[in-house]
């Protein structure tokens, strides 16, 4: 007989698990969160990786906020629990040719900056941002909707499809031109899409970043145009499309705020408590077994683990439909990302822009030469070699947030790509360090003081992400954001509505619809 009984069990204490627990507890349920690691937050954590320098804190894996809608922040009262987002500049590209692109939004300075490389492209930046913003505004409601059962002829499902279609129509998706544009976004590569707008390789490289970030795909891979649009639907910090931000206290502060909200509503959180098995009787979830054999009972279980962990490891496959198992076995969760965290003695002094500027040092700093540079890096990894010249998306949160480092010192997050996706199976430690060396050398070309300013560094590859953070394949989205793994197909046909084949067992991981990014939407929708 189980010693503990609850109204609901949440498996996983990452941000989605904590959001699910907070909502369930707010609605009066007795809830327990079971987290395998020693701390909550999952990939959205702040840590102190250098014992010899505990004064430095880093955003270990996830490093920026967007996509979390204001209604979740307000529903859970996150601001009173310490949730605060600092603005992130739009983008900065210091180029080895001595020039730079400073993207500060839709304004003449941005157009002129891109115009250094092509006057034609500088003139098209404004219309392009208007176009992608318009589509993002139309498509954003899809993130707020539970995917309907497309293909089902049940009246309820047909009504759901009609409701979604009407919602999109009201947002402006009724014209043939707009339908064509949306179709292109779902099927094209970001390279092909950007070729329709721009001519210069550097400009196209800068604008393709949102299409490749975190993906096992280069800019020439079909479907990356959708990923580009997906990352343009963010609402931090001022409710603007494509606005991003850095949390005060690092990403862990976001998870901590959600945890405090959940506990404030009455939820119980247990760490170092890995779930080994989901208990099922007559096709219904009745609880779980945790490491050590303890049974915990509840009529409702919400899992926020990677779908392959829950359905292929914690449940006997004989309890599941064969087609569902086949879908999960075929679920692609590859990654070639490497996260590098640095403690710096001083800010980088860029050749192109040596003076401090919030638009430069407080923005997303891109290390790349152009579109061809990015595609070459991916193709090297695809052929089994780490990129000779890696790409990196860098941020310096301490420009705004002095809680992460001593005065005058700084933290840098470098989200980098690509290494072979097979590296999730072995550490490849020496090769990772050599990869990091090459990236740092490349950064030093555009900021000559950079290499000498590094006090400490942490290099985390796909193996670390899978084995320490339970991100299968090292994929930060719990599954690739490709057309065949989105919306009504995420993560399996017929089960994109957060339900599962097991009654009483719901799924709310980033591997479900709206997942990808720290947004809490899967948990909100599941509850």
Protein backbone atom coordinates (compact mmCIF):
# COMPACT_ATOMS: atom_id res chain seq x y z
CA UNK A 1 0.00 0.00 0.00
CA UNK A 2 1.53 3.37 -1.01
CA UNK A 3 2.52 5.46 1.99
CA UNK A 4 1.81 8.76 0.29
CA UNK A 5 -1.28 9.83 -1.63
CA UNK A 6 -1.76 13.01 -3.60
CA UNK A 7 -4.29 14.46 -5.99
CA UNK A 8 -1.55 14.87 -8.61
CA UNK A 9 2.07 13.89 -9.21
CA UNK A 10 4.30 15.97 -11.47
CA UNK A 11 7.35 14.15 -12.85
CA UNK A 12 10.20 16.57 -13.43
CA UNK A 13 11.08 19.82 -11.69
CA UNK A 14 12.11 21.83 -14.72
CA UNK A 15 10.25 25.02 -15.53
CA UNK A 16 7.29 23.17 -17.12
CA UNK A 17 6.97 20.82 -14.17
CA UNK A 18 6.97 23.73 -11.75
CA UNK A 19 4.40 25.64 -13.81
CA UNK A 20 2.13 22.58 -13.89
CA UNK A 21 2.47 22.11 -10.13
CA UNK A 22 1.79 25.79 -9.47
CA UNK A 23 -1.43 25.77 -11.49
CA UNK A 24 -2.65 22.49 -10.01
CA UNK A 25 -1.92 23.70 -6.47
CA UNK A 26 -3.56 27.05 -7.19
CA UNK A 27 -6.69 25.13 -8.19
CA UNK A 28 -6.70 23.40 -4.81
CA UNK A 29 -5.00 20.10 -5.59
CA UNK A 30 -2.56 18.32 -3.30
CA UNK A 31 0.49 18.13 -5.56
CA UNK A 32 4.00 16.72 -5.34
CA UNK A 33 6.83 17.42 -7.79
CA UNK A 34 9.42 14.65 -8.18
CA UNK A 35 12.75 15.82 -9.56
CA UNK A 36 15.62 13.42 -10.32
CA UNK A 37 18.41 15.98 -9.97
CA UNK A 38 19.58 17.60 -6.75
CA UNK A 39 17.93 20.88 -7.70
CA UNK A 40 14.93 22.16 -9.62
CA UNK A 41 15.02 24.16 -12.82
CA UNK A 42 16.34 21.58 -15.24
CA UNK A 43 18.05 23.34 -18.13
CA UNK A 44 16.83 26.68 -16.77
CA UNK A 45 19.19 26.94 -13.83
CA UNK A 46 21.81 29.29 -12.42
CA UNK A 47 24.91 27.55 -11.10
CA UNK A 48 28.37 28.19 -9.67
CA UNK A 49 30.56 25.90 -11.76
CA UNK A 50 33.94 26.96 -10.38
CA UNK A 51 34.53 25.95 -6.73
CA UNK A 52 37.61 28.16 -6.65
CA UNK A 53 35.51 31.15 -7.75
CA UNK A 54 32.04 30.84 -6.19
CA UNK A 55 31.44 34.55 -6.70
CA UNK A 56 30.67 33.84 -10.36
CA UNK A 57 27.26 32.49 -11.32
CA UNK A 58 26.31 31.32 -14.80
CA UNK A 59 23.12 30.49 -16.66
CA UNK A 60 24.27 26.93 -17.24
CA UNK A 61 22.34 25.87 -20.35
CA UNK A 62 19.28 27.97 -21.19
CA UNK A 63 20.32 31.61 -21.17
CA UNK A 64 17.57 33.89 -22.45
CA UNK A 65 13.85 34.48 -21.95
CA UNK A 66 11.11 34.82 -24.50
CA UNK A 67 7.80 33.24 -25.41
CA UNK A 68 6.41 33.07 -21.83
CA UNK A 69 3.06 34.85 -22.12
CA UNK A 70 2.09 37.55 -19.62
CA UNK A 71 -0.93 35.57 -18.45
CA UNK A 72 1.31 32.86 -16.94
CA UNK A 73 3.46 35.48 -15.21
CA UNK A 74 0.33 37.16 -13.84
CA UNK A 75 -1.61 33.97 -12.98
CA UNK A 76 1.25 32.68 -10.85
CA UNK A 77 2.27 36.05 -9.41
CA UNK A 78 5.85 35.50 -10.53
CA UNK A 79 6.96 39.12 -10.15
CA UNK A 80 6.38 39.06 -6.41
CA UNK A 81 8.59 35.97 -6.28
CA UNK A 82 11.54 37.73 -7.93
CA UNK A 83 10.78 37.37 -11.64
CA UNK A 84 12.46 40.27 -13.42
CA UNK A 85 13.60 40.46 -17.04
CA UNK A 86 16.27 42.82 -18.34
CA UNK A 87 16.05 43.85 -22.00
CA UNK A 88 18.28 42.15 -24.56
CA UNK A 89 19.61 44.08 -27.53
CA UNK A 90 18.46 42.88 -30.93
CA UNK A 91 21.82 41.75 -32.26
CA UNK A 92 25.45 42.59 -32.93
CA UNK A 93 27.73 41.04 -35.53
CA UNK A 94 31.41 42.03 -35.31
CA UNK A 95 32.85 40.94 -38.65
CA UNK A 96 36.50 40.03 -39.30
CA UNK A 97 36.58 42.55 -42.16
CA UNK A 98 36.52 45.36 -39.57
CA UNK A 99 32.89 46.32 -40.04
CA UNK A 100 29.94 45.39 -37.83
CA UNK A 101 26.18 45.16 -37.93
CA UNK A 102 24.31 46.70 -35.01
CA UNK A 103 20.65 45.76 -35.11
CA UNK A 104 18.68 47.99 -32.77
CA UNK A 105 15.26 47.33 -34.28
CA UNK A 106 13.26 48.95 -37.04
CA UNK A 107 15.01 52.30 -37.36
CA UNK A 108 17.28 54.12 -39.81
CA UNK A 109 20.44 53.25 -37.84
CA UNK A 110 19.74 49.53 -38.25
CA UNK A 111 19.01 49.91 -41.96
CA UNK A 112 22.24 51.83 -42.45
CA UNK A 113 24.20 49.22 -40.53
CA UNK A 114 23.00 46.42 -42.80
CA UNK A 115 23.42 48.79 -45.74
CA UNK A 116 27.21 48.75 -45.28
CA UNK A 117 27.16 45.34 -46.95
CA UNK A 118 24.45 46.07 -49.51
CA UNK A 119 22.44 49.25 -50.00
CA UNK A 120 19.65 47.15 -51.46
CA UNK A 121 19.61 44.90 -48.38
CA UNK A 122 19.66 47.90 -46.04
CA UNK A 123 16.54 49.16 -47.75
CA UNK A 124 14.78 45.81 -47.40
CA UNK A 125 15.38 45.23 -43.68
CA UNK A 126 12.38 47.31 -42.63
CA UNK A 127 9.90 45.61 -44.99
CA UNK A 128 11.32 42.18 -44.05
CA UNK A 129 10.87 42.78 -40.31
CA UNK A 130 7.36 44.04 -40.97
CA UNK A 131 6.56 40.90 -42.99
CA UNK A 132 8.00 38.37 -40.53
CA UNK A 133 6.38 40.25 -37.64
CA UNK A 134 3.01 40.16 -39.34
CA UNK A 135 3.22 36.40 -39.83
CA UNK A 136 4.47 35.87 -36.26
CA UNK A 137 1.48 37.86 -34.99
CA UNK A 138 -0.87 35.68 -37.03
CA UNK A 139 0.78 32.43 -35.97
CA UNK A 140 1.23 33.27 -32.30
CA UNK A 141 -2.30 32.12 -31.34
CA UNK A 142 -1.29 28.61 -32.39
CA UNK A 143 1.05 28.55 -29.40
CA UNK A 144 -1.90 29.39 -27.16
CA UNK A 145 -4.08 26.60 -28.58
CA UNK A 146 -4.12 22.91 -27.86
CA UNK A 147 -3.57 21.26 -31.25
CA UNK A 148 -6.79 19.83 -32.69
CA UNK A 149 -7.02 16.26 -33.95
CA UNK A 150 -6.48 16.95 -37.65
CA UNK A 151 -8.02 14.22 -39.76
CA UNK A 152 -10.52 13.13 -37.12
CA UNK A 153 -14.16 13.25 -38.20
CA UNK A 154 -15.55 13.46 -34.66
CA UNK A 155 -17.80 16.49 -34.24
CA UNK A 156 -15.82 17.83 -31.28
CA UNK A 157 -12.56 17.61 -33.23
CA UNK A 158 -14.06 19.24 -36.33
CA UNK A 159 -15.30 22.11 -34.15
CA UNK A 160 -11.78 22.52 -32.72
CA UNK A 161 -10.29 22.72 -36.23
CA UNK A 162 -12.93 25.23 -37.29
CA UNK A 163 -12.31 27.36 -34.19
CA UNK A 164 -8.57 27.49 -34.86
CA UNK A 165 -9.14 28.34 -38.52
CA UNK A 166 -11.49 31.15 -37.52
CA UNK A 167 -8.94 32.48 -35.02
CA UNK A 168 -6.20 32.57 -37.66
CA UNK A 169 -8.59 34.19 -40.16
CA UNK A 170 -9.38 36.96 -37.69
CA UNK A 171 -5.64 37.55 -37.24
CA UNK A 172 -5.21 38.10 -40.98
CA UNK A 173 -4.44 34.66 -42.43
CA UNK A 174 -7.31 34.75 -44.92
CA UNK A 175 -5.60 35.99 -48.08
CA UNK A 176 -4.05 33.68 -50.65
CA UNK A 177 -0.78 35.60 -50.39
CA UNK A 178 -0.58 35.15 -46.63
CA UNK A 179 -1.42 31.43 -46.85
CA UNK A 180 1.35 31.07 -49.42
CA UNK A 181 3.81 32.91 -47.18
CA UNK A 182 2.95 30.72 -44.21
CA UNK A 183 3.30 27.58 -46.35
CA UNK A 184 6.74 28.72 -47.42
CA UNK A 185 7.78 29.25 -43.83
CA UNK A 186 6.82 25.70 -42.92
CA UNK A 187 8.63 24.11 -45.85
CA UNK A 188 11.56 26.28 -46.92
CA UNK A 189 15.08 26.58 -45.58
CA UNK A 190 15.91 29.93 -44.04
CA UNK A 191 18.61 30.25 -46.72
CA UNK A 192 16.06 29.98 -49.52
CA UNK A 193 13.67 32.29 -47.70
CA UNK A 194 16.32 34.95 -47.12
CA UNK A 195 17.46 34.63 -50.75
CA UNK A 196 14.04 35.98 -51.70
CA UNK A 197 14.75 39.14 -49.71
CA UNK A 198 18.49 39.78 -49.62
CA UNK A 199 21.66 39.43 -51.70
CA UNK A 200 24.62 39.74 -49.30
CA UNK A 201 26.04 36.65 -47.55
CA UNK A 202 26.83 38.51 -44.31
CA UNK A 203 23.36 40.02 -44.08
CA UNK A 204 21.73 36.65 -44.73
CA UNK A 205 24.00 34.96 -42.18
CA UNK A 206 23.04 37.46 -39.49
CA UNK A 207 19.32 37.05 -40.21
CA UNK A 208 19.44 33.24 -40.37
CA UNK A 209 20.47 32.80 -36.72
CA UNK A 210 16.91 32.41 -35.42
CA UNK A 211 16.39 29.61 -37.93
CA UNK A 212 19.28 27.43 -36.77
CA UNK A 213 19.67 28.13 -33.07
CA UNK A 214 19.56 24.87 -31.14
CA UNK A 215 18.77 22.79 -34.22
CA UNK A 216 20.45 19.85 -35.91
CA UNK A 217 20.17 21.67 -39.22
CA UNK A 218 22.12 24.21 -41.18
CA UNK A 219 20.60 27.28 -42.82
CA UNK A 220 20.13 25.35 -46.08
CA UNK A 221 18.04 22.62 -44.41
CA UNK A 222 14.31 22.59 -45.27
CA UNK A 223 12.08 23.63 -42.36
CA UNK A 224 14.51 26.07 -40.76
CA UNK A 225 12.40 28.97 -42.04
CA UNK A 226 9.72 27.87 -39.56
CA UNK A 227 12.22 27.83 -36.69
CA UNK A 228 13.15 31.38 -37.69
CA UNK A 229 9.52 32.45 -37.40
CA UNK A 230 9.03 30.46 -34.16
CA UNK A 231 11.77 32.50 -32.51
CA UNK A 232 10.07 35.69 -33.71
CA UNK A 233 6.96 35.18 -31.58
CA UNK A 234 8.50 36.09 -28.23
CA UNK A 235 6.81 38.62 -25.96
CA UNK A 236 9.45 39.59 -23.39
CA UNK A 237 10.08 42.29 -22.30
CA UNK A 238 7.47 44.82 -23.33
CA UNK A 239 4.91 42.61 -25.05
CA UNK A 240 6.58 43.16 -28.42
CA UNK A 241 6.94 40.52 -31.10
CA UNK A 242 10.47 39.09 -31.31
CA UNK A 243 11.61 40.72 -28.06
CA UNK A 244 13.95 38.77 -25.81
CA UNK A 245 15.34 39.34 -22.34
CA UNK A 246 17.84 38.21 -19.71
CA UNK A 247 16.47 37.29 -16.26
CA UNK A 248 17.88 39.07 -13.23
CA UNK A 249 19.75 36.36 -11.33
CA UNK A 250 20.08 34.16 -14.40
CA UNK A 251 17.67 31.56 -15.74
CA UNK A 252 17.63 29.85 -12.36
CA UNK A 253 15.86 32.90 -10.95
CA UNK A 254 12.95 32.19 -13.30
CA UNK A 255 12.72 28.59 -12.13
CA UNK A 256 13.09 29.68 -8.50
CA UNK A 257 10.27 32.20 -8.88
CA UNK A 258 7.99 29.51 -10.33
CA UNK A 259 8.96 27.09 -7.56
CA UNK A 260 8.23 29.69 -4.87
CA UNK A 261 4.87 30.33 -6.50
CA UNK A 262 4.09 26.59 -6.56
CA UNK A 263 5.10 26.12 -2.94
CA UNK A 264 3.16 29.25 -2.00
CA UNK A 265 0.05 27.61 -3.44
CA UNK A 266 0.80 24.49 -1.38
CA UNK A 267 2.75 22.22 -3.74
CA UNK A 268 5.41 19.93 -2.31
CA UNK A 269 8.74 19.69 -4.17
CA UNK A 270 11.11 16.76 -3.75
CA UNK A 271 14.57 16.72 -5.35
CA UNK A 272 16.94 13.76 -5.75
CA UNK A 273 13.83 11.62 -6.25
CA UNK A 274 13.99 10.03 -9.70
CA UNK A 275 10.88 8.24 -10.92
CA UNK A 276 11.66 4.72 -12.07
CA UNK A 277 8.19 3.56 -13.08
CA UNK A 278 4.71 4.88 -13.74
CA UNK A 279 2.15 2.59 -12.10
CA UNK A 280 -0.73 1.58 -14.35
CA UNK A 281 -3.84 -0.46 -13.60
CA UNK A 282 -6.43 -1.30 -16.24
CA UNK A 283 -5.06 1.35 -18.58
CA UNK A 284 -5.07 4.14 -15.98
CA UNK A 285 -2.17 5.78 -14.15
CA UNK A 286 -2.37 5.22 -10.41
CA UNK A 287 0.95 6.64 -9.25
CA UNK A 288 4.70 6.13 -9.54
CA UNK A 289 7.61 4.23 -8.03
CA UNK A 290 10.69 6.27 -7.18
CA UNK A 291 14.26 5.13 -6.65
CA UNK A 292 14.46 2.98 -3.54
CA UNK A 293 11.07 1.40 -4.15
CA UNK A 294 8.77 3.99 -2.56
CA UNK A 295 5.33 4.09 -4.15
CA UNK A 296 3.45 7.37 -4.41
CA UNK A 297 -0.22 7.25 -5.38
CA UNK A 298 -2.32 9.75 -7.32
CA UNK A 299 -5.15 9.53 -9.86
CA UNK A 300 -3.43 12.18 -12.00
CA UNK A 301 0.18 12.16 -13.24
CA UNK A 302 1.75 14.93 -15.34
CA UNK A 303 5.11 14.12 -16.88
CA UNK A 304 7.44 16.87 -18.07
CA UNK A 305 10.33 14.56 -18.97
CA UNK A 306 11.58 14.05 -22.50
CA UNK A 307 8.86 11.89 -24.17
CA UNK A 308 11.25 8.99 -24.77
CA UNK A 309 12.14 8.85 -21.08
CA UNK A 310 8.52 8.64 -19.95
CA UNK A 311 7.06 6.36 -22.59
CA UNK A 312 10.02 4.16 -23.48
CA UNK A 313 11.72 3.84 -20.06
CA UNK A 314 9.23 4.51 -17.26
CA UNK A 315 6.33 2.58 -18.80
CA UNK A 316 6.17 -1.00 -20.03
CA UNK A 317 5.71 -0.68 -23.79
CA UNK A 318 3.07 -3.40 -23.68
CA UNK A 319 0.79 -0.84 -22.00
CA UNK A 320 0.95 1.42 -25.06
CA UNK A 321 -0.46 1.21 -28.60
CA UNK A 322 2.10 -0.12 -31.09
CA UNK A 323 1.76 2.92 -33.38
CA UNK A 324 2.37 5.29 -30.46
CA UNK A 325 5.51 3.37 -29.48
CA UNK A 326 6.71 3.46 -33.08
CA UNK A 327 6.21 7.24 -33.21
CA UNK A 328 8.23 7.69 -30.02
CA UNK A 329 10.96 5.33 -31.16
CA UNK A 330 11.28 7.41 -34.33
CA UNK A 331 11.23 10.73 -32.47
CA UNK A 332 14.30 12.70 -33.54
CA UNK A 333 16.18 14.44 -30.76
CA UNK A 334 19.56 15.15 -32.28
CA UNK A 335 21.78 18.07 -31.38
CA UNK A 336 25.22 19.41 -32.05
CA UNK A 337 25.19 22.27 -29.58
CA UNK A 338 27.90 23.12 -27.07
CA UNK A 339 27.37 25.59 -24.22
CA UNK A 340 30.45 27.51 -23.08
CA UNK A 341 30.27 29.67 -19.96
CA UNK A 342 33.04 32.15 -19.25
CA UNK A 343 34.09 34.39 -16.40
CA UNK A 344 35.74 37.53 -17.78
CA UNK A 345 38.05 40.08 -16.22
CA UNK A 346 36.67 42.78 -18.52
CA UNK A 347 34.24 43.36 -21.35
CA UNK A 348 35.34 42.58 -24.91
CA UNK A 349 36.72 45.58 -26.80
CA UNK A 350 35.59 45.09 -30.37
CA UNK A 351 37.74 46.44 -33.18
CA UNK A 352 34.68 47.78 -34.96
CA UNK A 353 33.09 49.29 -31.83
CA UNK A 354 35.68 49.69 -29.05
CA UNK A 355 33.52 51.83 -26.74
CA UNK A 356 30.87 50.38 -24.48
CA UNK A 357 27.34 50.40 -25.89
CA UNK A 358 24.20 48.62 -24.62
CA UNK A 359 23.33 47.79 -28.23
CA UNK A 360 26.71 46.05 -28.58
CA UNK A 361 27.59 44.54 -25.22
CA UNK A 362 23.99 44.21 -24.06
CA UNK A 363 22.75 42.40 -27.13
CA UNK A 364 23.03 39.01 -28.75
CA UNK A 365 26.59 38.91 -30.10
CA UNK A 366 26.94 36.69 -33.17
CA UNK A 367 30.20 35.01 -34.13
CA UNK A 368 30.01 34.11 -37.82
CA UNK A 369 31.23 35.34 -41.19
CA UNK A 370 28.06 34.80 -43.20
CA UNK A 371 25.62 32.21 -44.48
CA UNK A 372 28.27 30.02 -46.09
CA UNK A 373 30.24 29.98 -42.82
CA UNK A 374 27.20 28.59 -41.00
CA UNK A 375 26.39 25.95 -43.59
CA UNK A 376 30.03 24.79 -43.73
CA UNK A 377 30.10 24.40 -39.92
CA UNK A 378 26.96 22.25 -39.99
CA UNK A 379 28.14 20.09 -42.88
CA UNK A 380 31.41 19.38 -41.07
CA UNK A 381 29.48 18.18 -38.01
CA UNK A 382 27.09 16.21 -40.20
CA UNK A 383 30.08 14.39 -41.69
CA UNK A 384 31.39 13.49 -38.22
CA UNK A 385 33.81 16.33 -37.44
CA UNK A 386 33.39 19.23 -35.04
CA UNK A 387 33.16 22.55 -36.86
CA UNK A 388 36.52 24.05 -37.70
CA UNK A 389 35.02 27.52 -37.24
CA UNK A 390 32.05 27.25 -34.87
CA UNK A 391 29.09 29.61 -34.78
CA UNK A 392 28.15 31.19 -31.48
CA UNK A 393 25.30 33.25 -30.06
CA UNK A 394 26.78 35.12 -27.09
CA UNK A 395 25.32 37.19 -24.30
CA UNK A 396 26.85 39.11 -21.40
CA UNK A 397 24.07 39.27 -18.77
CA UNK A 398 26.27 41.17 -16.31
CA UNK A 399 25.96 44.28 -18.48
CA UNK A 400 22.58 44.69 -16.74
CA UNK A 401 22.70 42.16 -13.88
CA UNK A 402 25.30 42.66 -11.19
CA UNK A 403 24.11 39.67 -9.13
CA UNK A 404 26.12 37.19 -11.21
CA UNK A 405 29.69 38.47 -10.84
CA UNK A 406 31.82 40.83 -8.71
CA UNK A 407 31.98 44.49 -9.67
CA UNK A 408 34.07 44.98 -12.79
CA UNK A 409 33.93 41.28 -13.73
CA UNK A 410 31.56 39.67 -16.20
CA UNK A 411 29.90 36.44 -17.26
CA UNK A 412 29.49 35.40 -20.88
CA UNK A 413 27.17 32.71 -22.22
CA UNK A 414 28.24 31.23 -25.55
CA UNK A 415 25.63 29.00 -27.16
CA UNK A 416 27.59 27.34 -29.94
CA UNK A 417 27.16 24.98 -32.90
CA UNK A 418 28.03 22.38 -34.25
CA UNK A 419 29.66 19.15 -33.14
CA UNK A 420 28.57 15.70 -34.40
CA UNK A 421 25.21 14.60 -32.99
CA UNK A 422 26.84 11.27 -32.08
CA UNK A 423 28.80 13.09 -29.38
CA UNK A 424 25.81 12.67 -27.07
CA UNK A 425 26.97 9.06 -26.59
CA UNK A 426 30.57 9.78 -25.49
CA UNK A 427 32.10 12.75 -23.64
CA UNK A 428 34.72 13.69 -26.30
CA UNK A 429 36.26 15.93 -23.66
CA UNK A 430 39.58 16.75 -25.35
CA UNK A 431 37.88 17.44 -28.68
CA UNK A 432 35.34 19.70 -26.98
CA UNK A 433 38.11 21.73 -25.37
CA UNK A 434 39.85 22.06 -28.75
CA UNK A 435 36.53 23.17 -30.29
CA UNK A 436 36.19 25.81 -27.55
CA UNK A 437 39.76 26.97 -28.20
CA UNK A 438 38.96 27.50 -31.89
CA UNK A 439 35.85 29.51 -31.09
CA UNK A 440 37.70 31.68 -28.58
CA UNK A 441 40.45 32.31 -31.14
CA UNK A 442 37.80 33.31 -33.68
CA UNK A 443 36.20 35.69 -31.15
CA UNK A 444 39.62 37.16 -30.42
CA UNK A 445 39.92 38.19 -34.09
CA UNK A 446 37.14 40.74 -33.60
CA UNK A 447 37.92 41.62 -29.96
CA UNK A 448 41.69 41.33 -29.37
CA UNK A 449 41.48 41.59 -25.56
CA UNK A 450 38.99 38.73 -25.30
CA UNK A 451 41.21 35.67 -24.92
CA UNK A 452 43.42 37.25 -22.25
CA UNK A 453 40.36 38.36 -20.27
CA UNK A 454 39.09 34.81 -19.64
CA UNK A 455 39.40 33.86 -15.96
CA UNK A 456 37.41 30.60 -15.96
CA UNK A 457 35.55 28.53 -18.50
CA UNK A 458 33.03 25.69 -18.55
CA UNK A 459 32.41 23.61 -21.69
CA UNK A 460 29.26 21.46 -21.85
CA UNK A 461 28.63 19.18 -24.83
CA UNK A 462 25.72 16.97 -25.93
CA UNK A 463 26.90 14.15 -23.63
CA UNK A 464 26.71 16.42 -20.57
CA UNK A 465 23.29 17.67 -21.61
CA UNK A 466 21.93 14.15 -22.00
CA UNK A 467 23.51 12.50 -18.97
CA UNK A 468 23.40 15.39 -16.48
CA UNK A 469 20.21 17.14 -17.59
CA UNK A 470 18.27 14.27 -19.23
CA UNK A 471 18.07 16.06 -22.59
CA UNK A 472 18.12 13.09 -24.95
CA UNK A 473 20.67 13.72 -27.68
CA UNK A 474 21.49 17.02 -26.01
CA UNK A 475 18.46 18.57 -27.71
CA UNK A 476 17.26 21.60 -25.76
CA UNK A 477 13.75 21.34 -27.24
CA UNK A 478 13.12 17.69 -26.18
CA UNK A 479 12.83 16.97 -29.90
CA UNK A 480 13.68 18.71 -33.13
CA UNK A 481 11.47 21.56 -34.34
CA UNK A 482 10.89 20.15 -37.80
CA UNK A 483 7.62 20.23 -39.73
CA UNK A 484 6.98 16.53 -39.08
CA UNK A 485 7.45 17.06 -35.31
CA UNK A 486 5.29 20.13 -34.81
CA UNK A 487 1.76 21.02 -33.74
CA UNK A 488 -0.60 18.02 -34.20
CA UNK A 489 2.41 15.68 -34.63
CA UNK A 490 4.24 16.67 -31.44
CA UNK A 491 5.16 14.15 -30.08
CA UNK A 492 2.89 11.51 -31.66
CA UNK A 493 -0.09 11.28 -33.98
CA UNK A 494 -3.33 11.59 -32.00
CA UNK A 495 -1.62 12.65 -28.77
CA UNK A 496 -0.62 16.26 -29.33
CA UNK A 497 -3.40 17.46 -26.97
CA UNK A 498 -1.24 16.72 -23.87
CA UNK A 499 -3.13 13.51 -23.21
CA UNK A 500 -1.44 10.14 -23.53
CA UNK A 501 -2.66 6.59 -24.27
CA UNK A 502 -2.76 6.05 -20.49
CA UNK A 503 -5.82 7.58 -18.82
CA UNK A 504 -4.86 10.06 -16.15
CA UNK A 505 -1.33 10.47 -17.54
CA UNK A 506 -0.70 13.82 -19.20
CA UNK A 507 2.46 15.10 -20.89
CA UNK A 508 3.73 18.66 -20.62
CA UNK A 509 7.37 18.63 -21.67
CA UNK A 510 9.08 20.80 -24.24
CA UNK A 511 8.53 17.81 -26.53
CA UNK A 512 4.84 18.75 -26.76
CA UNK A 513 3.21 21.60 -28.66
CA UNK A 514 4.51 25.11 -27.86
CA UNK A 515 7.61 23.57 -26.34
CA UNK A 516 11.00 24.98 -27.19
CA UNK A 517 12.07 27.90 -25.04
CA UNK A 518 11.32 28.62 -21.41
CA UNK A 519 7.67 29.53 -21.77
CA UNK A 520 5.59 27.23 -19.55
CA UNK A 521 2.96 26.86 -22.28
CA UNK A 522 2.92 23.03 -22.42
CA UNK A 523 2.32 22.90 -18.66
CA UNK A 524 -0.37 25.57 -18.77
CA UNK A 525 -2.20 23.84 -21.61
CA UNK A 526 -1.90 20.38 -20.04
CA UNK A 527 -3.39 21.56 -16.75
